[in-house]
């Protein structure tokens, strides 16, 4: 009995955190679209920040083509 009550309480907690009981977005379509666009823009910015943290947005010095910024013939 105790195990079943614990399972019900845990499932209620998990479902309440996933946005099933309380909607995460507004019911107004215009406002919901604005919220979704803001969220997708935030996710795009996170990817760019992660590349900057790991310095993967800089050119590699191991490439066979050297880019030095000088004039090329």
PDB file of N, CA and C in Angstrom:
ATOM      1  N   UNK A   1       0.817  -1.184   0.000  1.00  0.00           N
ATOM      2  CA  UNK A   1       0.000   0.000   0.000  1.00  0.00           C
ATOM      3  C   UNK A   1       0.870   1.262   0.000  1.00  0.00           C
ATOM      4  N   UNK A   2       1.910   1.219   0.823  1.00  0.00           N
ATOM      5  CA  UNK A   2       2.802   2.363   0.913  1.00  0.00           C
ATOM      6  C   UNK A   2       3.524   2.589  -0.414  1.00  0.00           C
ATOM      7  N   UNK A   3       3.923   1.509  -1.057  1.00  0.00           N
ATOM      8  CA  UNK A   3       4.622   1.609  -2.341  1.00  0.00           C
ATOM      9  C   UNK A   3       3.707   2.217  -3.412  1.00  0.00           C
ATOM     10  N   UNK A   4       2.430   1.838  -3.412  1.00  0.00           N
ATOM     11  CA  UNK A   4       1.504   2.364  -4.400  1.00  0.00           C
ATOM     12  C   UNK A   4       1.248   3.860  -4.159  1.00  0.00           C
ATOM     13  N   UNK A   5       1.116   4.261  -2.907  1.00  0.00           N
ATOM     14  CA  UNK A   5       0.928   5.682  -2.615  1.00  0.00           C
ATOM     15  C   UNK A   5       2.160   6.497  -3.001  1.00  0.00           C
ATOM     16  N   UNK A   6       3.338   5.928  -2.775  1.00  0.00           N
ATOM     17  CA  UNK A   6       4.569   6.605  -3.166  1.00  0.00           C
ATOM     18  C   UNK A   6       4.660   6.723  -4.684  1.00  0.00           C
ATOM     19  N   UNK A   7       4.256   5.686  -5.408  1.00  0.00           N
ATOM     20  CA  UNK A   7       4.270   5.729  -6.871  1.00  0.00           C
ATOM     21  C   UNK A   7       3.268   6.757  -7.398  1.00  0.00           C
ATOM     22  N   UNK A   8       2.101   6.840  -6.793  1.00  0.00           N
ATOM     23  CA  UNK A   8       1.101   7.825  -7.212  1.00  0.00           C
ATOM     24  C   UNK A   8       1.604   9.240  -6.940  1.00  0.00           C
ATOM     25  N   UNK A   9       2.214   9.455  -5.776  1.00  0.00           N
ATOM     26  CA  UNK A   9       2.736  10.776  -5.446  1.00  0.00           C
ATOM     27  C   UNK A   9       3.876  11.160  -6.390  1.00  0.00           C
ATOM     28  N   UNK A  10       4.751  10.210  -6.708  1.00  0.00           N
ATOM     29  CA  UNK A  10       5.865  10.496  -7.610  1.00  0.00           C
ATOM     30  C   UNK A  10       5.363  10.783  -9.022  1.00  0.00           C
ATOM     31  N   UNK A  11       4.383  10.017  -9.481  1.00  0.00           N
ATOM     32  CA  UNK A  11       3.857  10.266 -10.829  1.00  0.00           C
ATOM     33  C   UNK A  11       3.110  11.600 -10.892  1.00  0.00           C
ATOM     34  N   UNK A  12       2.401  11.970  -9.834  1.00  0.00           N
ATOM     35  CA  UNK A  12       1.721  13.265  -9.810  1.00  0.00           C
ATOM     36  C   UNK A  12       2.735  14.400  -9.843  1.00  0.00           C
ATOM     37  N   UNK A  13       3.838  14.237  -9.135  1.00  0.00           N
ATOM     38  CA  UNK A  13       4.877  15.262  -9.139  1.00  0.00           C
ATOM     39  C   UNK A  13       5.513  15.390 -10.517  1.00  0.00           C
ATOM     40  N   UNK A  14       5.815  14.264 -11.141  1.00  0.00           N
ATOM     41  CA  UNK A  14       6.443  14.285 -12.465  1.00  0.00           C
ATOM     42  C   UNK A  14       5.499  14.884 -13.505  1.00  0.00           C
ATOM     43  N   UNK A  15       4.223  14.510 -13.456  1.00  0.00           N
ATOM     44  CA  UNK A  15       3.267  15.052 -14.418  1.00  0.00           C
ATOM     45  C   UNK A  15       3.043  16.547 -14.213  1.00  0.00           C
ATOM     46  N   UNK A  16       3.096  16.992 -12.976  1.00  0.00           N
ATOM     47  CA  UNK A  16       2.887  18.419 -12.731  1.00  0.00           C
ATOM     48  C   UNK A  16       4.069  19.242 -13.228  1.00  0.00           C
ATOM     49  N   UNK A  17       5.241  18.649 -13.293  1.00  0.00           N
ATOM     50  CA  UNK A  17       6.426  19.362 -13.763  1.00  0.00           C
ATOM     51  C   UNK A  17       6.543  19.376 -15.282  1.00  0.00           C
ATOM     52  N   UNK A  18       5.816  18.508 -15.974  1.00  0.00           N
ATOM     53  CA  UNK A  18       5.960  18.419 -17.428  1.00  0.00           C
ATOM     54  C   UNK A  18       5.011  19.334 -18.180  1.00  0.00           C
ATOM     55  N   UNK A  19       4.190  20.101 -17.512  1.00  0.00           N
ATOM     56  CA  UNK A  19       3.284  21.024 -18.173  1.00  0.00           C
ATOM     57  C   UNK A  19       1.961  20.395 -18.566  1.00  0.00           C
ATOM     58  N   UNK A  20       1.618  19.248 -18.017  1.00  0.00           N
ATOM     59  CA  UNK A  20       0.361  18.602 -18.374  1.00  0.00           C
ATOM     60  C   UNK A  20      -0.824  19.238 -17.644  1.00  0.00           C
ATOM     61  N   UNK A  21      -0.656  19.546 -16.368  1.00  0.00           N
ATOM     62  CA  UNK A  21      -1.760  20.113 -15.598  1.00  0.00           C
ATOM     63  C   UNK A  21      -1.883  21.617 -15.809  1.00  0.00           C
ATOM     64  N   UNK A  22      -0.779  22.307 -15.789  1.00  0.00           N
ATOM     65  CA  UNK A  22      -0.755  23.752 -15.996  1.00  0.00           C
ATOM     66  C   UNK A  22      -0.028  24.007 -17.308  1.00  0.00           C
ATOM     67  N   UNK A  23      -0.699  24.670 -18.240  1.00  0.00           N
ATOM     68  CA  UNK A  23      -0.091  24.916 -19.539  1.00  0.00           C
ATOM     69  C   UNK A  23       1.100  25.842 -19.408  1.00  0.00           C
ATOM     70  N   UNK A  24       2.120  25.560 -20.187  1.00  0.00           N
ATOM     71  CA  UNK A  24       3.336  26.355 -20.174  1.00  0.00           C
ATOM     72  C   UNK A  24       3.171  27.622 -21.006  1.00  0.00           C
ATOM     73  N   UNK A  25       2.302  27.567 -22.004  1.00  0.00           N
ATOM     74  CA  UNK A  25       2.116  28.676 -22.914  1.00  0.00           C
ATOM     75  C   UNK A  25       0.697  29.236 -22.788  1.00  0.00           C
ATOM     76  N   UNK A  26       0.538  30.454 -23.261  1.00  0.00           N
ATOM     77  CA  UNK A  26      -0.751  31.121 -23.215  1.00  0.00           C
ATOM     78  C   UNK A  26      -1.730  30.466 -24.184  1.00  0.00           C
ATOM     79  N   UNK A  27      -3.023  30.619 -23.931  1.00  0.00           N
ATOM     80  CA  UNK A  27      -4.022  30.068 -24.838  1.00  0.00           C
ATOM     81  C   UNK A  27      -4.301  31.014 -26.003  1.00  0.00           C
ATOM     82  N   UNK A  28      -3.872  32.266 -25.904  1.00  0.00           N
ATOM     83  CA  UNK A  28      -4.027  33.211 -27.005  1.00  0.00           C
ATOM     84  C   UNK A  28      -3.004  32.860 -28.091  1.00  0.00           C
ATOM     85  N   UNK A  29      -3.439  32.597 -29.333  1.00  0.00           N
ATOM     86  CA  UNK A  29      -2.500  32.153 -30.381  1.00  0.00           C
ATOM     87  C   UNK A  29      -1.388  33.156 -30.673  1.00  0.00           C
ATOM     88  N   UNK A  30      -1.696  34.440 -30.661  1.00  0.00           N
ATOM     89  CA  UNK A  30      -0.660  35.442 -30.949  1.00  0.00           C
ATOM     90  C   UNK A  30       0.395  35.485 -29.854  1.00  0.00           C
ATOM     91  N   UNK A  31      -0.061  35.452 -28.617  1.00  0.00           N
ATOM     92  CA  UNK A  31       0.882  35.476 -27.495  1.00  0.00           C
ATOM     93  C   UNK A  31       1.682  34.171 -27.423  1.00  0.00           C
ATOM     94  N   UNK A  32       1.029  33.043 -27.710  1.00  0.00           N
ATOM     95  CA  UNK A  32       1.718  31.753 -27.701  1.00  0.00           C
ATOM     96  C   UNK A  32       2.814  31.719 -28.767  1.00  0.00           C
ATOM     97  N   UNK A  33       2.530  32.268 -29.952  1.00  0.00           N
ATOM     98  CA  UNK A  33       3.546  32.306 -31.005  1.00  0.00           C
ATOM     99  C   UNK A  33       4.735  33.156 -30.581  1.00  0.00           C
ATOM    100  N   UNK A  34       4.461  34.262 -29.921  1.00  0.00           N
ATOM    101  CA  UNK A  34       5.543  35.104 -29.419  1.00  0.00           C
ATOM    102  C   UNK A  34       6.383  34.357 -28.385  1.00  0.00           C
ATOM    103  N   UNK A  35       5.737  33.604 -27.502  1.00  0.00           N
ATOM    104  CA  UNK A  35       6.464  32.833 -26.498  1.00  0.00           C
ATOM    105  C   UNK A  35       7.318  31.746 -27.148  1.00  0.00           C
ATOM    106  N   UNK A  36       6.770  31.068 -28.159  1.00  0.00           N
ATOM    107  CA  UNK A  36       7.525  30.017 -28.841  1.00  0.00           C
ATOM    108  C   UNK A  36       8.714  30.592 -29.607  1.00  0.00           C
ATOM    109  N   UNK A  37       8.527  31.750 -30.227  1.00  0.00           N
ATOM    110  CA  UNK A  37       9.640  32.381 -30.940  1.00  0.00           C
ATOM    111  C   UNK A  37      10.740  32.810 -29.981  1.00  0.00           C
ATOM    112  N   UNK A  38      10.351  33.349 -28.825  1.00  0.00           N
ATOM    113  CA  UNK A  38      11.356  33.733 -27.832  1.00  0.00           C
ATOM    114  C   UNK A  38      12.123  32.519 -27.330  1.00  0.00           C
ATOM    115  N   UNK A  39      11.417  31.414 -27.104  1.00  0.00           N
ATOM    116  CA  UNK A  39      12.085  30.216 -26.620  1.00  0.00           C
ATOM    117  C   UNK A  39      13.039  29.648 -27.664  1.00  0.00           C
ATOM    118  N   UNK A  40      12.627  29.616 -28.931  1.00  0.00           N
ATOM    119  CA  UNK A  40      13.509  29.086 -29.963  1.00  0.00           C
ATOM    120  C   UNK A  40      14.722  29.991 -30.168  1.00  0.00           C
ATOM    121  N   UNK A  41      14.535  31.300 -30.029  1.00  0.00           N
ATOM    122  CA  UNK A  41      15.667  32.215 -30.145  1.00  0.00           C
ATOM    123  C   UNK A  41      16.643  32.014 -28.986  1.00  0.00           C
ATOM    124  N   UNK A  42      16.112  31.760 -27.793  1.00  0.00           N
ATOM    125  CA  UNK A  42      16.983  31.482 -26.656  1.00  0.00           C
ATOM    126  C   UNK A  42      17.795  30.215 -26.880  1.00  0.00           C
ATOM    127  N   UNK A  43      17.165  29.185 -27.450  1.00  0.00           N
ATOM    128  CA  UNK A  43      17.885  27.940 -27.712  1.00  0.00           C
ATOM    129  C   UNK A  43      18.963  28.141 -28.768  1.00  0.00           C
ATOM    130  N   UNK A  44      18.704  28.991 -29.759  1.00  0.00           N
ATOM    131  CA  UNK A  44      19.710  29.276 -30.779  1.00  0.00           C
ATOM    132  C   UNK A  44      20.891  30.021 -30.160  1.00  0.00           C
ATOM    133  N   UNK A  45      20.603  30.946 -29.271  1.00  0.00           N
ATOM    134  CA  UNK A  45      21.672  31.695 -28.619  1.00  0.00           C
ATOM    135  C   UNK A  45      22.516  30.809 -27.717  1.00  0.00           C
ATOM    136  N   UNK A  46      21.892  29.808 -27.084  1.00  0.00           N
ATOM    137  CA  UNK A  46      22.636  28.893 -26.221  1.00  0.00           C
ATOM    138  C   UNK A  46      23.676  28.129 -27.034  1.00  0.00           C
ATOM    139  N   UNK A  47      23.305  27.712 -28.240  1.00  0.00           N
ATOM    140  CA  UNK A  47      24.253  26.983 -29.092  1.00  0.00           C
ATOM    141  C   UNK A  47      25.457  27.847 -29.437  1.00  0.00           C
ATOM    142  N   UNK A  48      25.227  29.126 -29.754  1.00  0.00           N
ATOM    143  CA  UNK A  48      26.340  30.017 -30.074  1.00  0.00           C
ATOM    144  C   UNK A  48      27.214  30.277 -28.846  1.00  0.00           C
ATOM    145  N   UNK A  49      26.593  30.423 -27.684  1.00  0.00           N
ATOM    146  CA  UNK A  49      27.370  30.623 -26.454  1.00  0.00           C
ATOM    147  C   UNK A  49      28.236  29.396 -26.151  1.00  0.00           C
ATOM    148  N   UNK A  50      27.677  28.206 -26.369  1.00  0.00           N
ATOM    149  CA  UNK A  50      28.417  26.976 -26.090  1.00  0.00           C
ATOM    150  C   UNK A  50      29.634  26.864 -27.007  1.00  0.00           C
ATOM    151  N   UNK A  51      29.480  27.240 -28.283  1.00  0.00           N
ATOM    152  CA  UNK A  51      30.608  27.220 -29.202  1.00  0.00           C
ATOM    153  C   UNK A  51      31.666  28.226 -28.778  1.00  0.00           C
ATOM    154  N   UNK A  52      31.249  29.372 -28.271  1.00  0.00           N
ATOM    155  CA  UNK A  52      32.215  30.369 -27.839  1.00  0.00           C
ATOM    156  C   UNK A  52      32.948  29.918 -26.578  1.00  0.00           C
ATOM    157  N   UNK A  53      32.237  29.221 -25.679  1.00  0.00           N
ATOM    158  CA  UNK A  53      32.885  28.733 -24.449  1.00  0.00           C
ATOM    159  C   UNK A  53      33.972  27.723 -24.780  1.00  0.00           C
ATOM    160  N   UNK A  54      33.673  26.796 -25.707  1.00  0.00           N
ATOM    161  CA  UNK A  54      34.633  25.751 -26.066  1.00  0.00           C
ATOM    162  C   UNK A  54      35.587  26.177 -27.174  1.00  0.00           C
ATOM    163  N   UNK A  55      35.522  27.439 -27.582  1.00  0.00           N
ATOM    164  CA  UNK A  55      36.407  28.013 -28.602  1.00  0.00           C
ATOM    165  C   UNK A  55      36.332  27.257 -29.925  1.00  0.00           C
ATOM    166  N   UNK A  56      35.177  26.704 -30.228  1.00  0.00           N
ATOM    167  CA  UNK A  56      35.026  25.996 -31.498  1.00  0.00           C
ATOM    168  C   UNK A  56      34.524  26.910 -32.599  1.00  0.00           C
ATOM    169  N   UNK A  57      34.301  28.188 -32.293  1.00  0.00           N
ATOM    170  CA  UNK A  57      33.866  29.119 -33.322  1.00  0.00           C
ATOM    171  C   UNK A  57      35.037  29.817 -33.993  1.00  0.00           C
ATOM    172  N   UNK A  58      36.272  29.475 -33.594  1.00  0.00           N
ATOM    173  CA  UNK A  58      37.459  30.082 -34.181  1.00  0.00           C
ATOM    174  C   UNK A  58      38.021  29.176 -35.268  1.00  0.00           C
ATOM    175  N   UNK A  59      38.732  29.735 -36.231  1.00  0.00           N
ATOM    176  CA  UNK A  59      39.302  28.897 -37.286  1.00  0.00           C
ATOM    177  C   UNK A  59      40.397  27.990 -36.739  1.00  0.00           C
ATOM    178  N   UNK A  60      40.482  26.819 -37.304  1.00  0.00           N
ATOM    179  CA  UNK A  60      41.497  25.863 -36.870  1.00  0.00           C
ATOM    180  C   UNK A  60      42.828  26.205 -37.517  1.00  0.00           C
ATOM    181  N   UNK A  61      43.914  26.023 -36.776  1.00  0.00           N
ATOM    182  CA  UNK A  61      45.249  26.254 -37.322  1.00  0.00           C
ATOM    183  C   UNK A  61      45.801  24.994 -37.975  1.00  0.00           C
ATOM    184  N   UNK A  62      45.019  23.925 -37.993  1.00  0.00           N
ATOM    185  CA  UNK A  62      45.464  22.679 -38.586  1.00  0.00           C
ATOM    186  C   UNK A  62      44.981  22.511 -40.020  1.00  0.00           C
ATOM    187  N   UNK A  63      44.294  23.484 -40.555  1.00  0.00           N
ATOM    188  CA  UNK A  63      43.809  23.375 -41.926  1.00  0.00           C
ATOM    189  C   UNK A  63      44.956  23.596 -42.903  1.00  0.00           C
ATOM    190  N   UNK A  64      44.931  22.956 -44.063  1.00  0.00           N
ATOM    191  CA  UNK A  64      46.018  23.150 -45.029  1.00  0.00           C
ATOM    192  C   UNK A  64      46.020  24.544 -45.659  1.00  0.00           C
ATOM    193  N   UNK A  65      44.892  25.227 -45.659  1.00  0.00           N
ATOM    194  CA  UNK A  65      44.831  26.585 -46.220  1.00  0.00           C
ATOM    195  C   UNK A  65      45.078  27.587 -45.102  1.00  0.00           C
ATOM    196  N   UNK A  66      46.145  28.306 -45.215  1.00  0.00           N
ATOM    197  CA  UNK A  66      46.469  29.310 -44.200  1.00  0.00           C
ATOM    198  C   UNK A  66      45.773  30.614 -44.538  1.00  0.00           C
ATOM    199  N   UNK A  67      45.067  31.144 -43.601  1.00  0.00           N
ATOM    200  CA  UNK A  67      44.408  32.426 -43.774  1.00  0.00           C
ATOM    201  C   UNK A  67      45.151  33.421 -42.900  1.00  0.00           C
ATOM    202  N   UNK A  68      45.866  34.359 -43.542  1.00  0.00           N
ATOM    203  CA  UNK A  68      46.677  35.285 -42.768  1.00  0.00           C
ATOM    204  C   UNK A  68      46.217  36.714 -42.900  1.00  0.00           C
ATOM    205  N   UNK A  69      45.263  36.975 -43.769  1.00  0.00           N
ATOM    206  CA  UNK A  69      44.750  38.335 -43.885  1.00  0.00           C
ATOM    207  C   UNK A  69      45.511  39.221 -44.833  1.00  0.00           C
ATOM    208  N   UNK A  70      46.566  38.697 -45.424  1.00  0.00           N
ATOM    209  CA  UNK A  70      47.343  39.496 -46.377  1.00  0.00           C
ATOM    210  C   UNK A  70      46.728  39.441 -47.760  1.00  0.00           C
ATOM    211  N   UNK A  71      47.325  40.198 -48.686  1.00  0.00           N
ATOM    212  CA  UNK A  71      46.854  40.201 -50.066  1.00  0.00           C
ATOM    213  C   UNK A  71      47.350  38.951 -50.766  1.00  0.00           C
ATOM    214  N   UNK A  72      46.477  38.336 -51.520  1.00  0.00           N
ATOM    215  CA  UNK A  72      46.856  37.122 -52.250  1.00  0.00           C
ATOM    216  C   UNK A  72      47.004  37.461 -53.716  1.00  0.00           C
ATOM    217  N   UNK A  73      47.959  36.814 -54.443  1.00  0.00           N
ATOM    218  CA  UNK A  73      48.156  37.120 -55.874  1.00  0.00           C
ATOM    219  C   UNK A  73      46.996  36.689 -56.729  1.00  0.00           C
TER     220      UNK A  73
END
